[in-house]
Amino acid sequence: MKNIILFASGGGSNAEQIMQYFAHKEHYAVVALFTNNPNAGVLDKAKKYGVPTVIFSKEELNEGKVLLKLRSFNPSIVVLAGFLWKFPSDIIAAYPGKVINIHPALLPKYGGKGMYGIHVHKAVLENKDAESGITIHFVNDNYDEGNVIYQHTVAVSDCLTPEDVAQRVLELEHEHFPRVIEELLKDL
């Protein structure tokens, strides 16, 4: 069995798609959800799928306590699905080539600190980009600079609001993120 660990901070629509996708897979399982937000909507989604949860503080993340707990789940892959804090170097080093993230834009455009969620989609509109998309990438020590695993584009030239862009990009995330995770797991 190849174990998937999810990290999320908010509502968890991507995390839910991943839990649903892998719920009945024979060789893969989401074995835990880690969150920094005790009020995150993703906690209810994990409960729905019977996925154990771990809630942690910034101190626990930065002092290595999260890494110790993470090891107890024996992860094959660590997936950031809407996790908003900078990911610590100790976890990245412990799981080289096994920590991935999804970004709601076509990196290297609109990446870096503070570029998440609606901020990204506002920037896409302000720059009058004809397309946006998703980037699934490995996590390294810098925001959104890890090697790209997969990108997919969508036309956004007819979008009037950042929320319109967000909806199109979210559809891509839900469609492609679980499948790309499965492809990666086949090679691990």
C-alpha atoms as a PDB file:
ATOM      1  CA  MET A   1       0.000   0.000   0.000  1.00  0.00           C
ATOM      2  CA  LYS A   2       1.263   3.470  -0.896  1.00  0.00           C
ATOM      3  CA  ASN A   3       0.277   6.074   1.684  1.00  0.00           C
ATOM      4  CA  ILE A   4      -0.804   9.617   0.842  1.00  0.00           C
ATOM      5  CA  ILE A   5      -0.610  12.408   3.422  1.00  0.00           C
ATOM      6  CA  LEU A   6      -2.530  15.622   2.758  1.00  0.00           C
ATOM      7  CA  PHE A   7      -1.759  19.072   4.172  1.00  0.00           C
ATOM      8  CA  ALA A   8      -4.528  21.681   3.891  1.00  0.00           C
ATOM      9  CA  SER A   9      -5.477  24.935   5.609  1.00  0.00           C
ATOM     10  CA  GLY A  10      -8.992  25.800   4.473  1.00  0.00           C
ATOM     11  CA  GLY A  11     -12.163  24.453   2.976  1.00  0.00           C
ATOM     12  CA  GLY A  12     -10.420  21.525   1.376  1.00  0.00           C
ATOM     13  CA  SER A  13     -12.136  21.053  -1.972  1.00  0.00           C
ATOM     14  CA  ASN A  14      -8.923  19.672  -3.495  1.00  0.00           C
ATOM     15  CA  ALA A  15      -8.283  17.476  -0.470  1.00  0.00           C
ATOM     16  CA  GLU A  16     -11.833  16.143  -0.740  1.00  0.00           C
ATOM     17  CA  GLN A  17     -11.379  15.356  -4.445  1.00  0.00           C
ATOM     18  CA  ILE A  18      -8.196  13.458  -3.600  1.00  0.00           C
ATOM     19  CA  MET A  19      -9.850  11.535  -0.738  1.00  0.00           C
ATOM     20  CA  GLN A  20     -12.775  10.642  -2.983  1.00  0.00           C
ATOM     21  CA  TYR A  21     -10.528   9.598  -5.871  1.00  0.00           C
ATOM     22  CA  PHE A  22      -8.428   7.278  -3.716  1.00  0.00           C
ATOM     23  CA  ALA A  23     -11.246   5.997  -1.454  1.00  0.00           C
ATOM     24  CA  HIS A  24     -11.561   2.698  -3.297  1.00  0.00           C
ATOM     25  CA  LYS A  25      -8.154   2.307  -4.911  1.00  0.00           C
ATOM     26  CA  GLU A  26      -6.548  -1.024  -4.114  1.00  0.00           C
ATOM     27  CA  HIS A  27      -2.916   0.067  -3.820  1.00  0.00           C
ATOM     28  CA  TYR A  28      -3.207   3.665  -2.595  1.00  0.00           C
ATOM     29  CA  ALA A  29      -4.788   5.313   0.437  1.00  0.00           C
ATOM     30  CA  VAL A  30      -5.075   8.746   2.015  1.00  0.00           C
ATOM     31  CA  VAL A  31      -3.938   7.837   5.523  1.00  0.00           C
ATOM     32  CA  ALA A  32      -3.961  11.264   7.211  1.00  0.00           C
ATOM     33  CA  LEU A  33      -4.822  14.917   6.835  1.00  0.00           C
ATOM     34  CA  PHE A  34      -2.606  17.476   8.554  1.00  0.00           C
ATOM     35  CA  THR A  35      -3.872  21.023   9.112  1.00  0.00           C
ATOM     36  CA  ASN A  36      -2.728  24.166  10.848  1.00  0.00           C
ATOM     37  CA  ASN A  37      -6.299  25.421  11.195  1.00  0.00           C
ATOM     38  CA  PRO A  38      -8.500  23.889  13.920  1.00  0.00           C
ATOM     39  CA  ASN A  39     -11.551  25.480  12.236  1.00  0.00           C
ATOM     40  CA  ALA A  40     -10.750  24.349   8.682  1.00  0.00           C
ATOM     41  CA  GLY A  41     -13.653  22.985   6.677  1.00  0.00           C
ATOM     42  CA  VAL A  42     -11.336  20.262   5.418  1.00  0.00           C
ATOM     43  CA  LEU A  43     -11.611  18.566   8.838  1.00  0.00           C
ATOM     44  CA  ASP A  44     -15.272  17.727   8.164  1.00  0.00           C
ATOM     45  CA  LYS A  45     -14.341  16.365   4.758  1.00  0.00           C
ATOM     46  CA  ALA A  46     -11.677  14.112   6.272  1.00  0.00           C
ATOM     47  CA  LYS A  47     -14.193  12.839   8.830  1.00  0.00           C
ATOM     48  CA  LYS A  48     -16.615  12.018   5.998  1.00  0.00           C
ATOM     49  CA  TYR A  49     -13.967   9.758   4.433  1.00  0.00           C
ATOM     50  CA  GLY A  50     -12.712   8.326   7.735  1.00  0.00           C
ATOM     51  CA  VAL A  51      -9.293   9.932   7.297  1.00  0.00           C
ATOM     52  CA  PRO A  52      -7.457  10.623  10.587  1.00  0.00           C
ATOM     53  CA  THR A  53      -6.533  14.249  11.205  1.00  0.00           C
ATOM     54  CA  VAL A  54      -3.624  15.999  12.876  1.00  0.00           C
ATOM     55  CA  ILE A  55      -3.938  19.647  13.937  1.00  0.00           C
ATOM     56  CA  PHE A  56      -0.686  21.460  14.654  1.00  0.00           C
ATOM     57  CA  SER A  57       0.727  24.871  15.497  1.00  0.00           C
ATOM     58  CA  LYS A  58       3.431  26.850  13.717  1.00  0.00           C
ATOM     59  CA  GLU A  59       5.832  26.006  16.560  1.00  0.00           C
ATOM     60  CA  GLU A  60       5.142  22.272  16.198  1.00  0.00           C
ATOM     61  CA  LEU A  61       5.725  22.533  12.449  1.00  0.00           C
ATOM     62  CA  ASN A  62       8.983  24.438  12.794  1.00  0.00           C
ATOM     63  CA  GLU A  63      10.343  22.450  15.758  1.00  0.00           C
ATOM     64  CA  GLY A  64      10.144  19.067  14.037  1.00  0.00           C
ATOM     65  CA  LYS A  65       7.124  17.683  15.917  1.00  0.00           C
ATOM     66  CA  VAL A  66       5.060  17.511  12.737  1.00  0.00           C
ATOM     67  CA  LEU A  67       7.847  15.577  11.017  1.00  0.00           C
ATOM     68  CA  LEU A  68       7.855  13.032  13.849  1.00  0.00           C
ATOM     69  CA  LYS A  69       4.081  12.582  13.595  1.00  0.00           C
ATOM     70  CA  LEU A  70       4.284  12.444   9.796  1.00  0.00           C
ATOM     71  CA  ARG A  71       6.808   9.591   9.965  1.00  0.00           C
ATOM     72  CA  SER A  72       4.344   7.508  11.982  1.00  0.00           C
ATOM     73  CA  PHE A  73       2.070   7.381   8.908  1.00  0.00           C
ATOM     74  CA  ASN A  74       4.864   6.111   6.610  1.00  0.00           C
ATOM     75  CA  PRO A  75       4.027   8.409   3.684  1.00  0.00           C
ATOM     76  CA  SER A  76       4.842   7.500   0.116  1.00  0.00           C
ATOM     77  CA  ILE A  77       3.923  11.040  -0.921  1.00  0.00           C
ATOM     78  CA  VAL A  78       3.097  14.296   0.880  1.00  0.00           C
ATOM     79  CA  VAL A  79       0.548  16.460  -0.928  1.00  0.00           C
ATOM     80  CA  LEU A  80      -0.025  20.139  -0.201  1.00  0.00           C
ATOM     81  CA  ALA A  81      -3.634  20.781  -1.184  1.00  0.00           C
ATOM     82  CA  GLY A  82      -4.294  24.369  -0.196  1.00  0.00           C
ATOM     83  CA  PHE A  83      -1.736  24.526   2.593  1.00  0.00           C
ATOM     84  CA  LEU A  84      -0.821  28.170   3.121  1.00  0.00           C
ATOM     85  CA  TRP A  85       2.290  28.138   5.316  1.00  0.00           C
ATOM     86  CA  LYS A  86       5.826  27.830   4.037  1.00  0.00           C
ATOM     87  CA  PHE A  87       6.716  24.172   4.195  1.00  0.00           C
ATOM     88  CA  PRO A  88       9.665  23.381   6.473  1.00  0.00           C
ATOM     89  CA  SER A  89      13.011  22.240   5.126  1.00  0.00           C
ATOM     90  CA  ASP A  90      13.212  19.270   7.503  1.00  0.00           C
ATOM     91  CA  ILE A  91      10.151  17.613   5.960  1.00  0.00           C
ATOM     92  CA  ILE A  92      11.290  18.399   2.409  1.00  0.00           C
ATOM     93  CA  ALA A  93      14.704  16.866   3.200  1.00  0.00           C
ATOM     94  CA  ALA A  94      13.141  13.792   4.839  1.00  0.00           C
ATOM     95  CA  TYR A  95      11.021  13.079   1.736  1.00  0.00           C
ATOM     96  CA  PRO A  96      13.084  14.196  -1.288  1.00  0.00           C
ATOM     97  CA  GLY A  97      11.061  14.175  -4.486  1.00  0.00           C
ATOM     98  CA  LYS A  98       7.946  13.184  -2.538  1.00  0.00           C
ATOM     99  CA  VAL A  99       6.463  16.526  -1.468  1.00  0.00           C
ATOM    100  CA  ILE A 100       4.211  18.130  -4.079  1.00  0.00           C
ATOM    101  CA  ASN A 101       1.986  21.182  -4.299  1.00  0.00           C
ATOM    102  CA  ILE A 102      -0.620  22.581  -6.645  1.00  0.00           C
ATOM    103  CA  HIS A 103      -0.578  26.251  -7.637  1.00  0.00           C
ATOM    104  CA  PRO A 104      -3.548  28.026  -9.282  1.00  0.00           C
ATOM    105  CA  ALA A 105      -1.531  29.597 -12.101  1.00  0.00           C
ATOM    106  CA  LEU A 106       1.010  28.717 -14.756  1.00  0.00           C
ATOM    107  CA  LEU A 107       4.281  29.015 -12.868  1.00  0.00           C
ATOM    108  CA  PRO A 108       6.655  30.774 -12.959  1.00  0.00           C
ATOM    109  CA  LYS A 109       3.990  33.481 -13.434  1.00  0.00           C
ATOM    110  CA  TYR A 110       2.137  34.558 -10.313  1.00  0.00           C
ATOM    111  CA  GLY A 111       4.134  32.515  -7.819  1.00  0.00           C
ATOM    112  CA  GLY A 112       5.908  33.376  -4.610  1.00  0.00           C
ATOM    113  CA  LYS A 113       5.015  34.628  -1.172  1.00  0.00           C
ATOM    114  CA  GLY A 114       1.504  36.040  -0.955  1.00  0.00           C
ATOM    115  CA  MET A 115       0.472  34.625  -4.321  1.00  0.00           C
ATOM    116  CA  TYR A 116      -2.303  32.210  -3.458  1.00  0.00           C
ATOM    117  CA  GLY A 117      -6.023  31.908  -4.081  1.00  0.00           C
ATOM    118  CA  ILE A 118      -7.863  34.997  -5.214  1.00  0.00           C
ATOM    119  CA  HIS A 119      -4.649  37.079  -5.216  1.00  0.00           C
ATOM    120  CA  VAL A 120      -3.390  34.988  -8.125  1.00  0.00           C
ATOM    121  CA  HIS A 121      -6.631  35.292 -10.077  1.00  0.00           C
ATOM    122  CA  LYS A 122      -6.756  39.079  -9.567  1.00  0.00           C
ATOM    123  CA  ALA A 123      -3.224  39.341 -10.974  1.00  0.00           C
ATOM    124  CA  VAL A 124      -4.192  37.251 -14.011  1.00  0.00           C
ATOM    125  CA  LEU A 125      -7.112  39.595 -14.739  1.00  0.00           C
ATOM    126  CA  GLU A 126      -5.132  42.771 -14.077  1.00  0.00           C
ATOM    127  CA  ASN A 127      -2.511  41.627 -16.583  1.00  0.00           C
ATOM    128  CA  LYS A 128      -5.216  40.745 -19.119  1.00  0.00           C
ATOM    129  CA  ASP A 129      -3.857  37.231 -19.613  1.00  0.00           C
ATOM    130  CA  ALA A 130      -5.764  35.184 -22.181  1.00  0.00           C
ATOM    131  CA  GLU A 131      -5.155  31.982 -20.261  1.00  0.00           C
ATOM    132  CA  SER A 132      -4.370  30.708 -16.811  1.00  0.00           C
ATOM    133  CA  GLY A 133      -4.192  27.224 -15.435  1.00  0.00           C
ATOM    134  CA  ILE A 134      -2.643  24.955 -12.852  1.00  0.00           C
ATOM    135  CA  THR A 135       0.866  23.894 -12.001  1.00  0.00           C
ATOM    136  CA  ILE A 136       1.613  20.781  -9.989  1.00  0.00           C
ATOM    137  CA  HIS A 137       5.199  20.941  -8.781  1.00  0.00           C
ATOM    138  CA  PHE A 138       7.692  19.517  -6.347  1.00  0.00           C
ATOM    139  CA  VAL A 139       8.187  21.560  -3.199  1.00  0.00           C
ATOM    140  CA  ASN A 140      11.597  22.992  -2.414  1.00  0.00           C
ATOM    141  CA  ASP A 141      12.777  25.609   0.074  1.00  0.00           C
ATOM    142  CA  ASN A 142      11.361  28.532  -1.952  1.00  0.00           C
ATOM    143  CA  TYR A 143       7.707  29.326  -2.597  1.00  0.00           C
ATOM    144  CA  ASP A 144       6.548  27.917  -5.943  1.00  0.00           C
ATOM    145  CA  GLU A 145      10.044  27.301  -7.331  1.00  0.00           C
ATOM    146  CA  GLY A 146      10.195  23.499  -7.301  1.00  0.00           C
ATOM    147  CA  ASN A 147      10.426  21.558 -10.548  1.00  0.00           C
ATOM    148  CA  VAL A 148       7.190  21.448 -12.528  1.00  0.00           C
ATOM    149  CA  ILE A 149       5.513  18.045 -12.764  1.00  0.00           C
ATOM    150  CA  TYR A 150       2.420  19.009 -14.761  1.00  0.00           C
ATOM    151  CA  GLN A 151       0.678  22.084 -16.160  1.00  0.00           C
ATOM    152  CA  HIS A 152      -2.702  22.507 -17.800  1.00  0.00           C
ATOM    153  CA  THR A 153      -4.154  25.697 -19.282  1.00  0.00           C
ATOM    154  CA  VAL A 154      -7.628  27.167 -19.558  1.00  0.00           C
ATOM    155  CA  ALA A 155      -8.862  30.212 -21.463  1.00  0.00           C
ATOM    156  CA  VAL A 156      -9.843  33.113 -19.212  1.00  0.00           C
ATOM    157  CA  SER A 157     -10.038  36.054 -21.642  1.00  0.00           C
ATOM    158  CA  ASP A 158     -13.833  36.155 -21.260  1.00  0.00           C
ATOM    159  CA  CYS A 159     -13.719  36.109 -17.437  1.00  0.00           C
ATOM    160  CA  LEU A 160     -15.011  39.294 -15.829  1.00  0.00           C
ATOM    161  CA  THR A 161     -14.049  38.728 -12.192  1.00  0.00           C
ATOM    162  CA  PRO A 162     -11.289  36.973 -10.250  1.00  0.00           C
ATOM    163  CA  GLU A 163     -13.986  34.580  -9.030  1.00  0.00           C
ATOM    164  CA  ASP A 164     -14.725  33.595 -12.644  1.00  0.00           C
ATOM    165  CA  VAL A 165     -11.044  32.763 -13.154  1.00  0.00           C
ATOM    166  CA  ALA A 166     -10.963  30.911  -9.829  1.00  0.00           C
ATOM    167  CA  GLN A 167     -13.885  28.693 -10.861  1.00  0.00           C
ATOM    168  CA  ARG A 168     -12.245  27.658 -14.134  1.00  0.00           C
ATOM    169  CA  VAL A 169      -8.919  26.966 -12.450  1.00  0.00           C
ATOM    170  CA  LEU A 170     -10.566  25.003  -9.625  1.00  0.00           C
ATOM    171  CA  GLU A 171     -12.255  22.740 -12.164  1.00  0.00           C
ATOM    172  CA  LEU A 172      -8.816  21.949 -13.603  1.00  0.00           C
ATOM    173  CA  GLU A 173      -7.417  21.281 -10.128  1.00  0.00           C
ATOM    174  CA  HIS A 174     -10.197  18.816  -9.321  1.00  0.00           C
ATOM    175  CA  GLU A 175      -9.880  17.075 -12.667  1.00  0.00           C
ATOM    176  CA  HIS A 176      -6.104  16.694 -12.805  1.00  0.00           C
ATOM    177  CA  PHE A 177      -4.571  16.742  -9.301  1.00  0.00           C
ATOM    178  CA  PRO A 178      -5.716  13.257  -8.141  1.00  0.00           C
ATOM    179  CA  ARG A 179      -4.727  11.664 -11.444  1.00  0.00           C
ATOM    180  CA  VAL A 180      -1.253  13.224 -11.399  1.00  0.00           C
ATOM    181  CA  ILE A 181      -0.763  12.041  -7.809  1.00  0.00           C
ATOM    182  CA  GLU A 182      -1.628   8.505  -8.886  1.00  0.00           C
ATOM    183  CA  GLU A 183       0.830   8.695 -11.794  1.00  0.00           C
ATOM    184  CA  LEU A 184       3.579   9.839  -9.442  1.00  0.00           C
ATOM    185  CA  LEU A 185       2.796   7.064  -6.975  1.00  0.00           C
ATOM    186  CA  LYS A 186       3.205   4.451  -9.702  1.00  0.00           C
ATOM    187  CA  ASP A 187       6.833   5.532 -10.050  1.00  0.00           C
ATOM    188  CA  LEU A 188       7.655   5.757  -6.317  1.00  0.00           C
END
